[in-house]
């Protein structure tokens, strides 16, 4: 579950849950009465908080910007960096 929670899907679940005012587990169809739903919700929220903290650092901002670059742009930068 940890890998799933930290993936873009997990972060999207948190954003959707905040937008619609519900819990991430309800979007996944997990019964709200089960303990599994509480653990899942806590994992999603903690991953989201960690991601927010990371994005506020300089390294996080650089990583976010690089993630938006196309494959060709990254290849071009690598070729120029090796000279």
PDB file of N, CA and C in Angstrom:
ATOM      1  N   UNK A   1       0.826  -1.189   0.000  1.00  0.00           N
ATOM      2  CA  UNK A   1       0.000   0.000   0.000  1.00  0.00           C
ATOM      3  C   UNK A   1       0.869   1.252   0.000  1.00  0.00           C
ATOM      4  N   UNK A   2       2.027   1.186   0.622  1.00  0.00           N
ATOM      5  CA  UNK A   2       2.871   2.371   0.749  1.00  0.00           C
ATOM      6  C   UNK A   2       3.262   2.939  -0.614  1.00  0.00           C
ATOM      7  N   UNK A   3       3.633   2.087  -1.559  1.00  0.00           N
ATOM      8  CA  UNK A   3       3.998   2.546  -2.893  1.00  0.00           C
ATOM      9  C   UNK A   3       2.824   3.197  -3.604  1.00  0.00           C
ATOM     10  N   UNK A   4       1.643   2.618  -3.443  1.00  0.00           N
ATOM     11  CA  UNK A   4       0.449   3.169  -4.065  1.00  0.00           C
ATOM     12  C   UNK A   4       0.114   4.541  -3.497  1.00  0.00           C
ATOM     13  N   UNK A   5       0.228   4.674  -2.190  1.00  0.00           N
ATOM     14  CA  UNK A   5      -0.118   5.927  -1.518  1.00  0.00           C
ATOM     15  C   UNK A   5       0.809   7.046  -1.963  1.00  0.00           C
ATOM     16  N   UNK A   6       2.082   6.738  -2.161  1.00  0.00           N
ATOM     17  CA  UNK A   6       3.057   7.756  -2.546  1.00  0.00           C
ATOM     18  C   UNK A   6       3.068   8.035  -4.050  1.00  0.00           C
ATOM     19  N   UNK A   7       2.327   7.286  -4.810  1.00  0.00           N
ATOM     20  CA  UNK A   7       2.283   7.493  -6.252  1.00  0.00           C
ATOM     21  C   UNK A   7       1.390   8.692  -6.581  1.00  0.00           C
ATOM     22  N   UNK A   8       1.441   9.152  -7.821  1.00  0.00           N
ATOM     23  CA  UNK A   8       0.552  10.253  -8.217  1.00  0.00           C
ATOM     24  C   UNK A   8      -0.931   9.932  -8.018  1.00  0.00           C
ATOM     25  N   UNK A   9      -1.280   8.652  -8.070  1.00  0.00           N
ATOM     26  CA  UNK A   9      -2.677   8.260  -7.857  1.00  0.00           C
ATOM     27  C   UNK A   9      -3.102   8.574  -6.421  1.00  0.00           C
ATOM     28  N   UNK A  10      -2.229   8.274  -5.472  1.00  0.00           N
ATOM     29  CA  UNK A  10      -2.535   8.555  -4.073  1.00  0.00           C
ATOM     30  C   UNK A  10      -2.698  10.042  -3.822  1.00  0.00           C
ATOM     31  N   UNK A  11      -1.813  10.833  -4.419  1.00  0.00           N
ATOM     32  CA  UNK A  11      -1.913  12.285  -4.261  1.00  0.00           C
ATOM     33  C   UNK A  11      -3.168  12.831  -4.943  1.00  0.00           C
ATOM     34  N   UNK A  12      -3.543  12.233  -6.051  1.00  0.00           N
ATOM     35  CA  UNK A  12      -4.782  12.647  -6.734  1.00  0.00           C
ATOM     36  C   UNK A  12      -6.002  12.304  -5.896  1.00  0.00           C
ATOM     37  N   UNK A  13      -5.966  11.158  -5.236  1.00  0.00           N
ATOM     38  CA  UNK A  13      -7.071  10.776  -4.349  1.00  0.00           C
ATOM     39  C   UNK A  13      -7.239  11.803  -3.234  1.00  0.00           C
ATOM     40  N   UNK A  14      -6.132  12.270  -2.669  1.00  0.00           N
ATOM     41  CA  UNK A  14      -6.192  13.273  -1.608  1.00  0.00           C
ATOM     42  C   UNK A  14      -6.798  14.566  -2.145  1.00  0.00           C
ATOM     43  N   UNK A  15      -6.366  14.984  -3.328  1.00  0.00           N
ATOM     44  CA  UNK A  15      -6.897  16.211  -3.919  1.00  0.00           C
ATOM     45  C   UNK A  15      -8.395  16.089  -4.202  1.00  0.00           C
ATOM     46  N   UNK A  16      -8.814  14.948  -4.738  1.00  0.00           N
ATOM     47  CA  UNK A  16     -10.245  14.740  -5.018  1.00  0.00           C
ATOM     48  C   UNK A  16     -11.064  14.705  -3.733  1.00  0.00           C
ATOM     49  N   UNK A  17     -10.526  14.058  -2.713  1.00  0.00           N
ATOM     50  CA  UNK A  17     -11.239  13.981  -1.436  1.00  0.00           C
ATOM     51  C   UNK A  17     -11.401  15.376  -0.826  1.00  0.00           C
ATOM     52  N   UNK A  18     -10.364  16.190  -0.925  1.00  0.00           N
ATOM     53  CA  UNK A  18     -10.477  17.556  -0.412  1.00  0.00           C
ATOM     54  C   UNK A  18     -11.491  18.360  -1.215  1.00  0.00           C
ATOM     55  N   UNK A  19     -11.483  18.176  -2.515  1.00  0.00           N
ATOM     56  CA  UNK A  19     -12.398  18.934  -3.378  1.00  0.00           C
ATOM     57  C   UNK A  19     -13.864  18.584  -3.099  1.00  0.00           C
ATOM     58  N   UNK A  20     -14.136  17.304  -2.934  1.00  0.00           N
ATOM     59  CA  UNK A  20     -15.512  16.868  -2.758  1.00  0.00           C
ATOM     60  C   UNK A  20     -15.922  16.682  -1.298  1.00  0.00           C
ATOM     61  N   UNK A  21     -15.011  16.965  -0.378  1.00  0.00           N
ATOM     62  CA  UNK A  21     -15.337  16.904   1.044  1.00  0.00           C
ATOM     63  C   UNK A  21     -15.637  15.517   1.566  1.00  0.00           C
ATOM     64  N   UNK A  22     -14.875  14.548   1.092  1.00  0.00           N
ATOM     65  CA  UNK A  22     -15.063  13.175   1.574  1.00  0.00           C
ATOM     66  C   UNK A  22     -13.702  12.572   1.905  1.00  0.00           C
ATOM     67  N   UNK A  23     -13.702  11.339   2.327  1.00  0.00           N
ATOM     68  CA  UNK A  23     -12.464  10.654   2.661  1.00  0.00           C
ATOM     69  C   UNK A  23     -11.928   9.919   1.437  1.00  0.00           C
ATOM     70  N   UNK A  24     -10.592   9.833   1.294  1.00  0.00           N
ATOM     71  CA  UNK A  24     -10.028   9.100   0.158  1.00  0.00           C
ATOM     72  C   UNK A  24     -10.505   7.653   0.089  1.00  0.00           C
ATOM     73  N   UNK A  25     -10.719   7.022   1.243  1.00  0.00           N
ATOM     74  CA  UNK A  25     -11.158   5.627   1.243  1.00  0.00           C
ATOM     75  C   UNK A  25     -12.557   5.483   0.646  1.00  0.00           C
ATOM     76  N   UNK A  26     -13.400   6.488   0.816  1.00  0.00           N
ATOM     77  CA  UNK A  26     -14.747   6.394   0.229  1.00  0.00           C
ATOM     78  C   UNK A  26     -14.679   6.478  -1.295  1.00  0.00           C
ATOM     79  N   UNK A  27     -13.699   7.204  -1.826  1.00  0.00           N
ATOM     80  CA  UNK A  27     -13.516   7.250  -3.282  1.00  0.00           C
ATOM     81  C   UNK A  27     -13.051   5.906  -3.827  1.00  0.00           C
ATOM     82  N   UNK A  28     -12.345   5.149  -2.996  1.00  0.00           N
ATOM     83  CA  UNK A  28     -11.864   3.832  -3.406  1.00  0.00           C
ATOM     84  C   UNK A  28     -12.892   2.730  -3.147  1.00  0.00           C
ATOM     85  N   UNK A  29     -13.983   3.063  -2.475  1.00  0.00           N
ATOM     86  CA  UNK A  29     -15.019   2.078  -2.201  1.00  0.00           C
ATOM     87  C   UNK A  29     -14.750   1.220  -0.978  1.00  0.00           C
ATOM     88  N   UNK A  30     -13.872   1.670  -0.102  1.00  0.00           N
ATOM     89  CA  UNK A  30     -13.581   0.929   1.130  1.00  0.00           C
ATOM     90  C   UNK A  30     -14.637   1.312   2.162  1.00  0.00           C
ATOM     91  N   UNK A  31     -15.154   0.345   2.856  1.00  0.00           N
ATOM     92  CA  UNK A  31     -16.190   0.584   3.857  1.00  0.00           C
ATOM     93  C   UNK A  31     -15.684   1.539   4.939  1.00  0.00           C
ATOM     94  N   UNK A  32     -16.435   2.614   5.218  1.00  0.00           N
ATOM     95  CA  UNK A  32     -15.990   3.574   6.240  1.00  0.00           C
ATOM     96  C   UNK A  32     -15.996   3.003   7.655  1.00  0.00           C
ATOM     97  N   UNK A  33     -16.639   1.875   7.855  1.00  0.00           N
ATOM     98  CA  UNK A  33     -16.694   1.264   9.177  1.00  0.00           C
ATOM     99  C   UNK A  33     -15.496   0.359   9.459  1.00  0.00           C
ATOM    100  N   UNK A  34     -14.703   0.078   8.448  1.00  0.00           N
ATOM    101  CA  UNK A  34     -13.566  -0.820   8.651  1.00  0.00           C
ATOM    102  C   UNK A  34     -12.345  -0.038   9.120  1.00  0.00           C
ATOM    103  N   UNK A  35     -11.499  -0.700   9.854  1.00  0.00           N
ATOM    104  CA  UNK A  35     -10.256  -0.080  10.299  1.00  0.00           C
ATOM    105  C   UNK A  35      -9.314   0.170   9.138  1.00  0.00           C
ATOM    106  N   UNK A  36      -9.470  -0.637   8.098  1.00  0.00           N
ATOM    107  CA  UNK A  36      -8.643  -0.479   6.902  1.00  0.00           C
ATOM    108  C   UNK A  36      -8.828   0.912   6.281  1.00  0.00           C
ATOM    109  N   UNK A  37     -10.053   1.416   6.307  1.00  0.00           N
ATOM    110  CA  UNK A  37     -10.310   2.727   5.706  1.00  0.00           C
ATOM    111  C   UNK A  37      -9.599   3.833   6.477  1.00  0.00           C
ATOM    112  N   UNK A  38      -9.567   3.729   7.791  1.00  0.00           N
ATOM    113  CA  UNK A  38      -8.883   4.728   8.610  1.00  0.00           C
ATOM    114  C   UNK A  38      -7.378   4.719   8.340  1.00  0.00           C
ATOM    115  N   UNK A  39      -6.793   3.535   8.275  1.00  0.00           N
ATOM    116  CA  UNK A  39      -5.366   3.410   7.999  1.00  0.00           C
ATOM    117  C   UNK A  39      -5.048   3.943   6.602  1.00  0.00           C
ATOM    118  N   UNK A  40      -5.887   3.620   5.634  1.00  0.00           N
ATOM    119  CA  UNK A  40      -5.700   4.095   4.264  1.00  0.00           C
ATOM    120  C   UNK A  40      -5.765   5.622   4.211  1.00  0.00           C
ATOM    121  N   UNK A  41      -6.761   6.203   4.873  1.00  0.00           N
ATOM    122  CA  UNK A  41      -6.906   7.666   4.880  1.00  0.00           C
ATOM    123  C   UNK A  41      -5.705   8.340   5.534  1.00  0.00           C
ATOM    124  N   UNK A  42      -5.236   7.776   6.630  1.00  0.00           N
ATOM    125  CA  UNK A  42      -4.079   8.355   7.320  1.00  0.00           C
ATOM    126  C   UNK A  42      -2.823   8.259   6.453  1.00  0.00           C
ATOM    127  N   UNK A  43      -2.665   7.172   5.733  1.00  0.00           N
ATOM    128  CA  UNK A  43      -1.503   7.014   4.855  1.00  0.00           C
ATOM    129  C   UNK A  43      -1.544   8.018   3.709  1.00  0.00           C
ATOM    130  N   UNK A  44      -2.721   8.217   3.124  1.00  0.00           N
ATOM    131  CA  UNK A  44      -2.875   9.182   2.034  1.00  0.00           C
ATOM    132  C   UNK A  44      -2.560  10.589   2.525  1.00  0.00           C
ATOM    133  N   UNK A  45      -3.099  10.964   3.666  1.00  0.00           N
ATOM    134  CA  UNK A  45      -2.884  12.311   4.202  1.00  0.00           C
ATOM    135  C   UNK A  45      -1.422  12.529   4.563  1.00  0.00           C
ATOM    136  N   UNK A  46      -0.779  11.540   5.180  1.00  0.00           N
ATOM    137  CA  UNK A  46       0.627  11.715   5.548  1.00  0.00           C
ATOM    138  C   UNK A  46       1.519  11.828   4.310  1.00  0.00           C
ATOM    139  N   UNK A  47       1.223  11.059   3.261  1.00  0.00           N
ATOM    140  CA  UNK A  47       1.993  11.167   2.017  1.00  0.00           C
ATOM    141  C   UNK A  47       1.791  12.532   1.385  1.00  0.00           C
ATOM    142  N   UNK A  48       0.588  13.052   1.448  1.00  0.00           N
ATOM    143  CA  UNK A  48       0.303  14.371   0.897  1.00  0.00           C
ATOM    144  C   UNK A  48       1.050  15.463   1.658  1.00  0.00           C
ATOM    145  N   UNK A  49       1.098  15.346   2.971  1.00  0.00           N
ATOM    146  CA  UNK A  49       1.815  16.322   3.793  1.00  0.00           C
ATOM    147  C   UNK A  49       3.312  16.271   3.489  1.00  0.00           C
ATOM    148  N   UNK A  50       3.861  15.067   3.382  1.00  0.00           N
ATOM    149  CA  UNK A  50       5.283  14.929   3.038  1.00  0.00           C
ATOM    150  C   UNK A  50       5.571  15.540   1.677  1.00  0.00           C
ATOM    151  N   UNK A  51       4.685  15.317   0.718  1.00  0.00           N
ATOM    152  CA  UNK A  51       4.869  15.868  -0.621  1.00  0.00           C
ATOM    153  C   UNK A  51       4.824  17.398  -0.575  1.00  0.00           C
ATOM    154  N   UNK A  52       3.906  17.954   0.196  1.00  0.00           N
ATOM    155  CA  UNK A  52       3.824  19.408   0.318  1.00  0.00           C
ATOM    156  C   UNK A  52       5.093  19.989   0.922  1.00  0.00           C
ATOM    157  N   UNK A  53       5.636  19.323   1.943  1.00  0.00           N
ATOM    158  CA  UNK A  53       6.883  19.783   2.561  1.00  0.00           C
ATOM    159  C   UNK A  53       8.032  19.731   1.560  1.00  0.00           C
ATOM    160  N   UNK A  54       8.085  18.657   0.779  1.00  0.00           N
ATOM    161  CA  UNK A  54       9.147  18.491  -0.207  1.00  0.00           C
ATOM    162  C   UNK A  54       9.069  19.572  -1.280  1.00  0.00           C
ATOM    163  N   UNK A  55       7.861  19.918  -1.685  1.00  0.00           N
ATOM    164  CA  UNK A  55       7.692  20.903  -2.751  1.00  0.00           C
ATOM    165  C   UNK A  55       8.080  22.313  -2.314  1.00  0.00           C
ATOM    166  N   UNK A  56       8.196  22.548  -1.016  1.00  0.00           N
ATOM    167  CA  UNK A  56       8.569  23.872  -0.530  1.00  0.00           C
ATOM    168  C   UNK A  56      10.082  24.062  -0.493  1.00  0.00           C
ATOM    169  N   UNK A  57      10.848  22.981  -0.624  1.00  0.00           N
ATOM    170  CA  UNK A  57      12.297  23.105  -0.631  1.00  0.00           C
ATOM    171  C   UNK A  57      12.774  23.450  -2.031  1.00  0.00           C
ATOM    172  N   UNK A  58      13.980  23.975  -2.126  1.00  0.00           N
ATOM    173  CA  UNK A  58      14.541  24.313  -3.432  1.00  0.00           C
ATOM    174  C   UNK A  58      14.686  23.065  -4.292  1.00  0.00           C
ATOM    175  N   UNK A  59      15.181  21.985  -3.685  1.00  0.00           N
ATOM    176  CA  UNK A  59      15.333  20.733  -4.431  1.00  0.00           C
ATOM    177  C   UNK A  59      14.001  20.212  -4.932  1.00  0.00           C
ATOM    178  N   UNK A  60      12.953  20.368  -4.121  1.00  0.00           N
ATOM    179  CA  UNK A  60      11.623  19.928  -4.529  1.00  0.00           C
ATOM    180  C   UNK A  60      11.081  20.740  -5.689  1.00  0.00           C
ATOM    181  N   UNK A  61      11.348  22.029  -5.678  1.00  0.00           N
ATOM    182  CA  UNK A  61      10.904  22.896  -6.778  1.00  0.00           C
ATOM    183  C   UNK A  61      11.627  22.533  -8.072  1.00  0.00           C
ATOM    184  N   UNK A  62      12.911  22.240  -7.948  1.00  0.00           N
ATOM    185  CA  UNK A  62      13.681  21.848  -9.129  1.00  0.00           C
ATOM    186  C   UNK A  62      13.168  20.523  -9.679  1.00  0.00           C
ATOM    187  N   UNK A  63      12.930  19.547  -8.780  1.00  0.00           N
ATOM    188  CA  UNK A  63      12.409  18.246  -9.212  1.00  0.00           C
ATOM    189  C   UNK A  63      11.061  18.387  -9.903  1.00  0.00           C
ATOM    190  N   UNK A  64      10.196  19.239  -9.355  1.00  0.00           N
ATOM    191  CA  UNK A  64       8.872  19.435  -9.953  1.00  0.00           C
ATOM    192  C   UNK A  64       8.992  20.047 -11.342  1.00  0.00           C
ATOM    193  N   UNK A  65       9.907  20.990 -11.498  1.00  0.00           N
ATOM    194  CA  UNK A  65      10.086  21.621 -12.806  1.00  0.00           C
ATOM    195  C   UNK A  65      10.643  20.612 -13.810  1.00  0.00           C
ATOM    196  N   UNK A  66      11.623  19.818 -13.376  1.00  0.00           N
ATOM    197  CA  UNK A  66      12.207  18.817 -14.274  1.00  0.00           C
ATOM    198  C   UNK A  66      11.199  17.759 -14.684  1.00  0.00           C
ATOM    199  N   UNK A  67      10.273  17.442 -13.809  1.00  0.00           N
ATOM    200  CA  UNK A  67       9.260  16.419 -14.122  1.00  0.00           C
ATOM    201  C   UNK A  67       8.388  16.854 -15.293  1.00  0.00           C
ATOM    202  N   UNK A  68       8.245  18.156 -15.505  1.00  0.00           N
ATOM    203  CA  UNK A  68       7.429  18.655 -16.603  1.00  0.00           C
ATOM    204  C   UNK A  68       8.155  18.713 -17.932  1.00  0.00           C
ATOM    205  N   UNK A  69       9.466  18.502 -17.920  1.00  0.00           N
ATOM    206  CA  UNK A  69      10.227  18.556 -19.160  1.00  0.00           C
ATOM    207  C   UNK A  69       9.970  17.317 -20.004  1.00  0.00           C
ATOM    208  N   UNK A  70       9.986  17.488 -21.301  1.00  0.00           N
ATOM    209  CA  UNK A  70       9.786  16.352 -22.203  1.00  0.00           C
ATOM    210  C   UNK A  70      11.041  15.490 -22.230  1.00  0.00           C
ATOM    211  N   UNK A  71      10.893  14.294 -22.753  1.00  0.00           N
ATOM    212  CA  UNK A  71      12.010  13.358 -22.843  1.00  0.00           C
ATOM    213  C   UNK A  71      13.111  13.921 -23.747  1.00  0.00           C
ATOM    214  N   UNK A  72      12.710  14.595 -24.815  1.00  0.00           N
ATOM    215  CA  UNK A  72      13.675  15.175 -25.746  1.00  0.00           C
ATOM    216  C   UNK A  72      14.493  16.276 -25.069  1.00  0.00           C
ATOM    217  N   UNK A  73      13.823  17.101 -24.271  1.00  0.00           N
ATOM    218  CA  UNK A  73      14.516  18.193 -23.571  1.00  0.00           C
ATOM    219  C   UNK A  73      15.532  17.623 -22.591  1.00  0.00           C
ATOM    220  N   UNK A  74      15.151  16.605 -21.849  1.00  0.00           N
ATOM    221  CA  UNK A  74      16.084  15.996 -20.895  1.00  0.00           C
ATOM    222  C   UNK A  74      17.282  15.386 -21.616  1.00  0.00           C
ATOM    223  N   UNK A  75      17.036  14.750 -22.756  1.00  0.00           N
ATOM    224  CA  UNK A  75      18.129  14.170 -23.543  1.00  0.00           C
ATOM    225  C   UNK A  75      19.067  15.239 -24.067  1.00  0.00           C
ATOM    226  N   UNK A  76      18.497  16.335 -24.514  1.00  0.00           N
ATOM    227  CA  UNK A  76      19.299  17.455 -25.015  1.00  0.00           C
ATOM    228  C   UNK A  76      20.187  18.022 -23.904  1.00  0.00           C
ATOM    229  N   UNK A  77      19.626  18.190 -22.717  1.00  0.00           N
ATOM    230  CA  UNK A  77      20.409  18.709 -21.592  1.00  0.00           C
ATOM    231  C   UNK A  77      21.518  17.750 -21.196  1.00  0.00           C
ATOM    232  N   UNK A  78      21.254  16.462 -21.268  1.00  0.00           N
ATOM    233  CA  UNK A  78      22.286  15.467 -20.942  1.00  0.00           C
ATOM    234  C   UNK A  78      23.427  15.535 -21.951  1.00  0.00           C
ATOM    235  N   UNK A  79      23.072  15.654 -23.236  1.00  0.00           N
ATOM    236  CA  UNK A  79      24.103  15.720 -24.269  1.00  0.00           C
ATOM    237  C   UNK A  79      24.974  16.957 -24.090  1.00  0.00           C
ATOM    238  N   UNK A  80      24.385  18.074 -23.766  1.00  0.00           N
ATOM    239  CA  UNK A  80      25.167  19.306 -23.588  1.00  0.00           C
ATOM    240  C   UNK A  80      25.979  19.271 -22.287  1.00  0.00           C
ATOM    241  N   UNK A  81      25.494  18.556 -21.311  1.00  0.00           N
ATOM    242  CA  UNK A  81      26.209  18.473 -20.037  1.00  0.00           C
ATOM    243  C   UNK A  81      27.445  17.602 -20.093  1.00  0.00           C
ATOM    244  N   UNK A  82      27.496  16.680 -21.037  1.00  0.00           N
ATOM    245  CA  UNK A  82      28.626  15.747 -21.127  1.00  0.00           C
ATOM    246  C   UNK A  82      29.817  16.316 -21.898  1.00  0.00           C
ATOM    247  N   UNK A  83      29.697  17.506 -22.429  1.00  0.00           N
ATOM    248  CA  UNK A  83      30.798  18.084 -23.214  1.00  0.00           C
ATOM    249  C   UNK A  83      31.801  18.745 -22.345  1.00  0.00           C
TER     250      UNK A  83
END
